[in-house]
Structure formats: structure tokens, C-alpha cells
Amino acid sequence: MVRSTKLTNEVQQKIGDGVSLGLTYAFAASAAGVTYQTFNQWMKLGRDSTSGKYFEFYKNLEQRNAEETLKIL
């Protein structure tokens, strides 16, 4: 039996919002109710994919992180 993922749109939004506020990935994941280990698994799945839920999650976070970095510069 395949377990369902905790990566819902709501969790993805909360993590992205945390990153946009300048939180570390660990704090953003924790604030969304996800362990840092699970977050890292999702990021690895996204990096290793070319499409799908994890790929979109990864690309979204990379974009939000880049946008916040540009605000600092």
C-alpha cells in the first residue's frame, strides 16, 4: 500500500511563505508541521525529477529563495 504524502498545497504554501520571510528551510518546514528530514526527502525527489509534485515544490522553493536573496542585494 502506498502512503499518501504530507506535501499538500497548504503545506507547500506554508513552507514557501516561511522561506519568503527569511526562515531557514528547517524552520520553515517545522512551522508547516513537517520534519526537516521529510523536507529534505521532498527536495531530493524534486531535484531528481523533471515533472510532478516534488519537482514543482523544489522549483517553487528555489524561486522564492532567489527572490528573497535579490531583495537583500
PDB file of N, CA and C in Angstrom:
ATOM      1  N   MET A   1       0.839  -1.181   0.000  1.00  0.00           N
ATOM      2  CA  MET A   1       0.000   0.000   0.000  1.00  0.00           C
ATOM      3  C   MET A   1       0.884   1.244   0.000  1.00  0.00           C
ATOM      4  N   VAL A   2       0.554   2.197  -0.862  1.00  0.00           N
ATOM      5  CA  VAL A   2       1.309   3.438  -0.976  1.00  0.00           C
ATOM      6  C   VAL A   2       0.775   4.446   0.021  1.00  0.00           C
ATOM      7  N   ARG A   3       1.698   5.017   0.795  1.00  0.00           N
ATOM      8  CA  ARG A   3       1.303   6.046   1.752  1.00  0.00           C
ATOM      9  C   ARG A   3       1.089   7.363   1.028  1.00  0.00           C
ATOM     10  N   SER A   4       0.102   8.116   1.478  1.00  0.00           N
ATOM     11  CA  SER A   4      -0.113   9.432   0.883  1.00  0.00           C
ATOM     12  C   SER A   4       0.928  10.404   1.445  1.00  0.00           C
ATOM     13  N   THR A   5       1.244  11.395   0.677  1.00  0.00           N
ATOM     14  CA  THR A   5       2.262  12.362   1.078  1.00  0.00           C
ATOM     15  C   THR A   5       1.650  13.485   1.906  1.00  0.00           C
ATOM     16  N   LYS A   6       2.458  14.061   2.751  1.00  0.00           N
ATOM     17  CA  LYS A   6       2.030  15.234   3.522  1.00  0.00           C
ATOM     18  C   LYS A   6       2.217  16.511   2.711  1.00  0.00           C
ATOM     19  N   LEU A   7       2.757  16.373   1.512  1.00  0.00           N
ATOM     20  CA  LEU A   7       3.014  17.549   0.675  1.00  0.00           C
ATOM     21  C   LEU A   7       1.723  17.999   0.000  1.00  0.00           C
ATOM     22  N   THR A   8       0.940  18.717   0.772  1.00  0.00           N
ATOM     23  CA  THR A   8      -0.306  19.288   0.257  1.00  0.00           C
ATOM     24  C   THR A   8      -0.026  20.710  -0.219  1.00  0.00           C
ATOM     25  N   ASN A   9      -0.988  21.284  -0.907  1.00  0.00           N
ATOM     26  CA  ASN A   9      -0.843  22.678  -1.334  1.00  0.00           C
ATOM     27  C   ASN A   9      -0.676  23.601  -0.130  1.00  0.00           C
ATOM     28  N   GLU A  10      -1.396  23.300   0.950  1.00  0.00           N
ATOM     29  CA  GLU A  10      -1.310  24.127   2.156  1.00  0.00           C
ATOM     30  C   GLU A  10       0.087  24.054   2.782  1.00  0.00           C
ATOM     31  N   VAL A  11       0.635  22.867   2.892  1.00  0.00           N
ATOM     32  CA  VAL A  11       1.975  22.709   3.463  1.00  0.00           C
ATOM     33  C   VAL A  11       3.004  23.385   2.567  1.00  0.00           C
ATOM     34  N   GLN A  12       2.869  23.195   1.276  1.00  0.00           N
ATOM     35  CA  GLN A  12       3.792  23.827   0.332  1.00  0.00           C
ATOM     36  C   GLN A  12       3.741  25.344   0.470  1.00  0.00           C
ATOM     37  N   GLN A  13       2.549  25.897   0.608  1.00  0.00           N
ATOM     38  CA  GLN A  13       2.386  27.343   0.765  1.00  0.00           C
ATOM     39  C   GLN A  13       3.022  27.828   2.069  1.00  0.00           C
ATOM     40  N   LYS A  14       2.806  27.099   3.153  1.00  0.00           N
ATOM     41  CA  LYS A  14       3.378  27.498   4.447  1.00  0.00           C
ATOM     42  C   LYS A  14       4.905  27.485   4.408  1.00  0.00           C
ATOM     43  N   ILE A  15       5.477  26.457   3.808  1.00  0.00           N
ATOM     44  CA  ILE A  15       6.934  26.397   3.715  1.00  0.00           C
ATOM     45  C   ILE A  15       7.441  27.540   2.845  1.00  0.00           C
ATOM     46  N   GLY A  16       6.797  27.763   1.720  1.00  0.00           N
ATOM     47  CA  GLY A  16       7.198  28.861   0.836  1.00  0.00           C
ATOM     48  C   GLY A  16       7.081  30.213   1.507  1.00  0.00           C
ATOM     49  N   ASP A  17       6.013  30.410   2.265  1.00  0.00           N
ATOM     50  CA  ASP A  17       5.848  31.667   2.996  1.00  0.00           C
ATOM     51  C   ASP A  17       6.962  31.854   4.023  1.00  0.00           C
ATOM     52  N   GLY A  18       7.308  30.774   4.697  1.00  0.00           N
ATOM     53  CA  GLY A  18       8.395  30.843   5.675  1.00  0.00           C
ATOM     54  C   GLY A  18       9.716  31.212   5.022  1.00  0.00           C
ATOM     55  N   VAL A  19       9.989  30.607   3.884  1.00  0.00           N
ATOM     56  CA  VAL A  19      11.223  30.912   3.148  1.00  0.00           C
ATOM     57  C   VAL A  19      11.206  32.374   2.704  1.00  0.00           C
ATOM     58  N   SER A  20      10.050  32.844   2.245  1.00  0.00           N
ATOM     59  CA  SER A  20       9.934  34.243   1.819  1.00  0.00           C
ATOM     60  C   SER A  20      10.157  35.220   2.976  1.00  0.00           C
ATOM     61  N   LEU A  21       9.854  34.779   4.193  1.00  0.00           N
ATOM     62  CA  LEU A  21      10.088  35.623   5.370  1.00  0.00           C
ATOM     63  C   LEU A  21      11.538  35.578   5.840  1.00  0.00           C
ATOM     64  N   GLY A  22      12.328  34.715   5.207  1.00  0.00           N
ATOM     65  CA  GLY A  22      13.743  34.614   5.555  1.00  0.00           C
ATOM     66  C   GLY A  22      14.071  33.478   6.505  1.00  0.00           C
ATOM     67  N   LEU A  23      13.096  32.621   6.787  1.00  0.00           N
ATOM     68  CA  LEU A  23      13.373  31.470   7.653  1.00  0.00           C
ATOM     69  C   LEU A  23      14.279  30.477   6.941  1.00  0.00           C
ATOM     70  N   THR A  24      15.049  29.754   7.712  1.00  0.00           N
ATOM     71  CA  THR A  24      15.813  28.654   7.134  1.00  0.00           C
ATOM     72  C   THR A  24      14.837  27.581   6.684  1.00  0.00           C
ATOM     73  N   TYR A  25      15.304  26.688   5.837  1.00  0.00           N
ATOM     74  CA  TYR A  25      14.445  25.588   5.403  1.00  0.00           C
ATOM     75  C   TYR A  25      13.973  24.770   6.601  1.00  0.00           C
ATOM     76  N   ALA A  26      14.842  24.561   7.567  1.00  0.00           N
ATOM     77  CA  ALA A  26      14.482  23.765   8.745  1.00  0.00           C
ATOM     78  C   ALA A  26      13.349  24.423   9.529  1.00  0.00           C
ATOM     79  N   PHE A  27      13.449  25.732   9.751  1.00  0.00           N
ATOM     80  CA  PHE A  27      12.398  26.441  10.493  1.00  0.00           C
ATOM     81  C   PHE A  27      11.105  26.525   9.683  1.00  0.00           C
ATOM     82  N   ALA A  28      11.227  26.765   8.385  1.00  0.00           N
ATOM     83  CA  ALA A  28      10.033  26.853   7.536  1.00  0.00           C
ATOM     84  C   ALA A  28       9.292  25.518   7.520  1.00  0.00           C
ATOM     85  N   ALA A  29      10.026  24.427   7.418  1.00  0.00           N
ATOM     86  CA  ALA A  29       9.408  23.097   7.436  1.00  0.00           C
ATOM     87  C   ALA A  29       8.737  22.845   8.780  1.00  0.00           C
ATOM     88  N   SER A  30       9.434  23.153   9.851  1.00  0.00           N
ATOM     89  CA  SER A  30       8.893  22.948  11.190  1.00  0.00           C
ATOM     90  C   SER A  30       7.609  23.754  11.401  1.00  0.00           C
ATOM     91  N   ALA A  31       7.603  24.994  10.933  1.00  0.00           N
ATOM     92  CA  ALA A  31       6.426  25.845  11.070  1.00  0.00           C
ATOM     93  C   ALA A  31       5.229  25.282  10.293  1.00  0.00           C
ATOM     94  N   ALA A  32       5.517  24.506   9.258  1.00  0.00           N
ATOM     95  CA  ALA A  32       4.454  23.892   8.452  1.00  0.00           C
ATOM     96  C   ALA A  32       4.083  22.500   8.962  1.00  0.00           C
ATOM     97  N   GLY A  33       4.721  22.068  10.060  1.00  0.00           N
ATOM     98  CA  GLY A  33       4.397  20.767  10.641  1.00  0.00           C
ATOM     99  C   GLY A  33       5.078  19.596   9.985  1.00  0.00           C
ATOM    100  N   VAL A  34       6.229  19.851   9.356  1.00  0.00           N
ATOM    101  CA  VAL A  34       6.967  18.814   8.640  1.00  0.00           C
ATOM    102  C   VAL A  34       8.372  18.723   9.225  1.00  0.00           C
ATOM    103  N   THR A  35       8.891  17.525   9.363  1.00  0.00           N
ATOM    104  CA  THR A  35      10.260  17.393   9.860  1.00  0.00           C
ATOM    105  C   THR A  35      11.237  17.831   8.775  1.00  0.00           C
ATOM    106  N   TYR A  36      12.407  18.242   9.209  1.00  0.00           N
ATOM    107  CA  TYR A  36      13.439  18.651   8.267  1.00  0.00           C
ATOM    108  C   TYR A  36      13.873  17.465   7.411  1.00  0.00           C
ATOM    109  N   GLN A  37      13.855  16.274   7.972  1.00  0.00           N
ATOM    110  CA  GLN A  37      14.208  15.066   7.221  1.00  0.00           C
ATOM    111  C   GLN A  37      13.226  14.862   6.059  1.00  0.00           C
ATOM    112  N   THR A  38      11.943  15.001   6.340  1.00  0.00           N
ATOM    113  CA  THR A  38      10.934  14.860   5.288  1.00  0.00           C
ATOM    114  C   THR A  38      11.101  15.948   4.237  1.00  0.00           C
ATOM    115  N   PHE A  39      11.324  17.173   4.687  1.00  0.00           N
ATOM    116  CA  PHE A  39      11.560  18.284   3.762  1.00  0.00           C
ATOM    117  C   PHE A  39      12.722  17.962   2.832  1.00  0.00           C
ATOM    118  N   ASN A  40      13.819  17.474   3.381  1.00  0.00           N
ATOM    119  CA  ASN A  40      14.986  17.137   2.566  1.00  0.00           C
ATOM    120  C   ASN A  40      14.682  16.020   1.576  1.00  0.00           C
ATOM    121  N   GLN A  41      13.875  15.051   1.978  1.00  0.00           N
ATOM    122  CA  GLN A  41      13.472  13.989   1.056  1.00  0.00           C
ATOM    123  C   GLN A  41      12.685  14.571  -0.110  1.00  0.00           C
ATOM    124  N   TRP A  42      11.759  15.465   0.186  1.00  0.00           N
ATOM    125  CA  TRP A  42      10.975  16.097  -0.874  1.00  0.00           C
ATOM    126  C   TRP A  42      11.873  16.892  -1.821  1.00  0.00           C
ATOM    127  N   MET A  43      12.829  17.625  -1.263  1.00  0.00           N
ATOM    128  CA  MET A  43      13.732  18.418  -2.092  1.00  0.00           C
ATOM    129  C   MET A  43      14.579  17.515  -2.983  1.00  0.00           C
ATOM    130  N   LYS A  44      15.056  16.407  -2.440  1.00  0.00           N
ATOM    131  CA  LYS A  44      15.853  15.469  -3.240  1.00  0.00           C
ATOM    132  C   LYS A  44      15.004  14.874  -4.353  1.00  0.00           C
ATOM    133  N   LEU A  45      13.783  14.484  -4.034  1.00  0.00           N
ATOM    134  CA  LEU A  45      12.888  13.952  -5.064  1.00  0.00           C
ATOM    135  C   LEU A  45      12.642  14.995  -6.152  1.00  0.00           C
ATOM    136  N   GLY A  46      12.497  16.238  -5.764  1.00  0.00           N
ATOM    137  CA  GLY A  46      12.284  17.318  -6.725  1.00  0.00           C
ATOM    138  C   GLY A  46      13.492  17.573  -7.603  1.00  0.00           C
ATOM    139  N   ARG A  47      14.681  17.583  -6.995  1.00  0.00           N
ATOM    140  CA  ARG A  47      15.920  17.785  -7.751  1.00  0.00           C
ATOM    141  C   ARG A  47      16.126  16.676  -8.776  1.00  0.00           C
ATOM    142  N   ASP A  48      15.742  15.461  -8.414  1.00  0.00           N
ATOM    143  CA  ASP A  48      15.975  14.298  -9.260  1.00  0.00           C
ATOM    144  C   ASP A  48      14.865  14.060 -10.281  1.00  0.00           C
ATOM    145  N   SER A  49      13.842  14.915 -10.291  1.00  0.00           N
ATOM    146  CA  SER A  49      12.696  14.738 -11.187  1.00  0.00           C
ATOM    147  C   SER A  49      12.692  15.813 -12.263  1.00  0.00           C
ATOM    148  N   THR A  50      11.879  15.581 -13.277  1.00  0.00           N
ATOM    149  CA  THR A  50      11.694  16.584 -14.317  1.00  0.00           C
ATOM    150  C   THR A  50      10.240  17.040 -14.397  1.00  0.00           C
ATOM    151  N   SER A  51       9.387  16.435 -13.576  1.00  0.00           N
ATOM    152  CA  SER A  51       7.992  16.837 -13.521  1.00  0.00           C
ATOM    153  C   SER A  51       7.359  16.256 -12.266  1.00  0.00           C
ATOM    154  N   GLY A  52       6.154  16.686 -11.979  1.00  0.00           N
ATOM    155  CA  GLY A  52       5.429  16.145 -10.839  1.00  0.00           C
ATOM    156  C   GLY A  52       5.415  17.063  -9.629  1.00  0.00           C
ATOM    157  N   LYS A  53       4.744  16.591  -8.589  1.00  0.00           N
ATOM    158  CA  LYS A  53       4.522  17.365  -7.371  1.00  0.00           C
ATOM    159  C   LYS A  53       5.831  17.791  -6.695  1.00  0.00           C
ATOM    160  N   TYR A  54       6.774  16.879  -6.569  1.00  0.00           N
ATOM    161  CA  TYR A  54       8.030  17.196  -5.884  1.00  0.00           C
ATOM    162  C   TYR A  54       8.890  18.138  -6.718  1.00  0.00           C
ATOM    163  N   PHE A  55       8.868  17.945  -8.027  1.00  0.00           N
ATOM    164  CA  PHE A  55       9.601  18.840  -8.918  1.00  0.00           C
ATOM    165  C   PHE A  55       9.057  20.258  -8.793  1.00  0.00           C
ATOM    166  N   GLU A  56       7.736  20.412  -8.798  1.00  0.00           N
ATOM    167  CA  GLU A  56       7.118  21.729  -8.664  1.00  0.00           C
ATOM    168  C   GLU A  56       7.429  22.353  -7.307  1.00  0.00           C
ATOM    169  N   PHE A  57       7.412  21.547  -6.257  1.00  0.00           N
ATOM    170  CA  PHE A  57       7.767  22.017  -4.914  1.00  0.00           C
ATOM    171  C   PHE A  57       9.191  22.552  -4.902  1.00  0.00           C
ATOM    172  N   TYR A  58      10.108  21.770  -5.442  1.00  0.00           N
ATOM    173  CA  TYR A  58      11.514  22.154  -5.482  1.00  0.00           C
ATOM    174  C   TYR A  58      11.711  23.458  -6.263  1.00  0.00           C
ATOM    175  N   LYS A  59      11.138  23.530  -7.452  1.00  0.00           N
ATOM    176  CA  LYS A  59      11.303  24.723  -8.286  1.00  0.00           C
ATOM    177  C   LYS A  59      10.680  25.956  -7.613  1.00  0.00           C
ATOM    178  N   ASN A  60       9.524  25.787  -6.976  1.00  0.00           N
ATOM    179  CA  ASN A  60       8.869  26.888  -6.290  1.00  0.00           C
ATOM    180  C   ASN A  60       9.749  27.430  -5.167  1.00  0.00           C
ATOM    181  N   LEU A  61      10.321  26.532  -4.378  1.00  0.00           N
ATOM    182  CA  LEU A  61      11.170  26.990  -3.267  1.00  0.00           C
ATOM    183  C   LEU A  61      12.456  27.632  -3.767  1.00  0.00           C
ATOM    184  N   GLU A  62      13.036  27.091  -4.803  1.00  0.00           N
ATOM    185  CA  GLU A  62      14.237  27.697  -5.360  1.00  0.00           C
ATOM    186  C   GLU A  62      13.934  29.114  -5.856  1.00  0.00           C
ATOM    187  N   GLN A  63      12.787  29.288  -6.493  1.00  0.00           N
ATOM    188  CA  GLN A  63      12.397  30.605  -6.988  1.00  0.00           C
ATOM    189  C   GLN A  63      12.151  31.579  -5.842  1.00  0.00           C
ATOM    190  N   ARG A  64      11.421  31.138  -4.829  1.00  0.00           N
ATOM    191  CA  ARG A  64      11.126  32.026  -3.697  1.00  0.00           C
ATOM    192  C   ARG A  64      12.403  32.394  -2.943  1.00  0.00           C
ATOM    193  N   ASN A  65      13.305  31.456  -2.811  1.00  0.00           N
ATOM    194  CA  ASN A  65      14.574  31.715  -2.149  1.00  0.00           C
ATOM    195  C   ASN A  65      15.391  32.732  -2.952  1.00  0.00           C
ATOM    196  N   ALA A  66      15.414  32.574  -4.267  1.00  0.00           N
ATOM    197  CA  ALA A  66      16.146  33.513  -5.129  1.00  0.00           C
ATOM    198  C   ALA A  66      15.546  34.910  -5.043  1.00  0.00           C
ATOM    199  N   GLU A  67      14.222  35.000  -5.018  1.00  0.00           N
ATOM    200  CA  GLU A  67      13.563  36.306  -4.926  1.00  0.00           C
ATOM    201  C   GLU A  67      13.933  37.009  -3.626  1.00  0.00           C
ATOM    202  N   GLU A  68      14.000  36.276  -2.550  1.00  0.00           N
ATOM    203  CA  GLU A  68      14.354  36.871  -1.256  1.00  0.00           C
ATOM    204  C   GLU A  68      15.819  37.290  -1.233  1.00  0.00           C
ATOM    205  N   THR A  69      16.672  36.522  -1.869  1.00  0.00           N
ATOM    206  CA  THR A  69      18.081  36.880  -1.940  1.00  0.00           C
ATOM    207  C   THR A  69      18.255  38.182  -2.720  1.00  0.00           C
ATOM    208  N   LEU A  70      17.510  38.347  -3.794  1.00  0.00           N
ATOM    209  CA  LEU A  70      17.598  39.571  -4.589  1.00  0.00           C
ATOM    210  C   LEU A  70      17.137  40.799  -3.810  1.00  0.00           C
ATOM    211  N   LYS A  71      16.186  40.623  -2.922  1.00  0.00           N
ATOM    212  CA  LYS A  71      15.719  41.740  -2.091  1.00  0.00           C
ATOM    213  C   LYS A  71      16.826  42.229  -1.162  1.00  0.00           C
ATOM    214  N   ILE A  72      17.663  41.315  -0.728  1.00  0.00           N
ATOM    215  CA  ILE A  72      18.745  41.661   0.195  1.00  0.00           C
ATOM    216  C   ILE A  72      19.843  42.420  -0.536  1.00  0.00           C
ATOM    217  N   LEU A  73      20.076  42.037  -1.775  1.00  0.00           N
ATOM    218  CA  LEU A  73      21.154  42.660  -2.561  1.00  0.00           C
ATOM    219  C   LEU A  73      20.727  44.000  -2.992  1.00  0.00           C
TER     220      LEU A  73
END
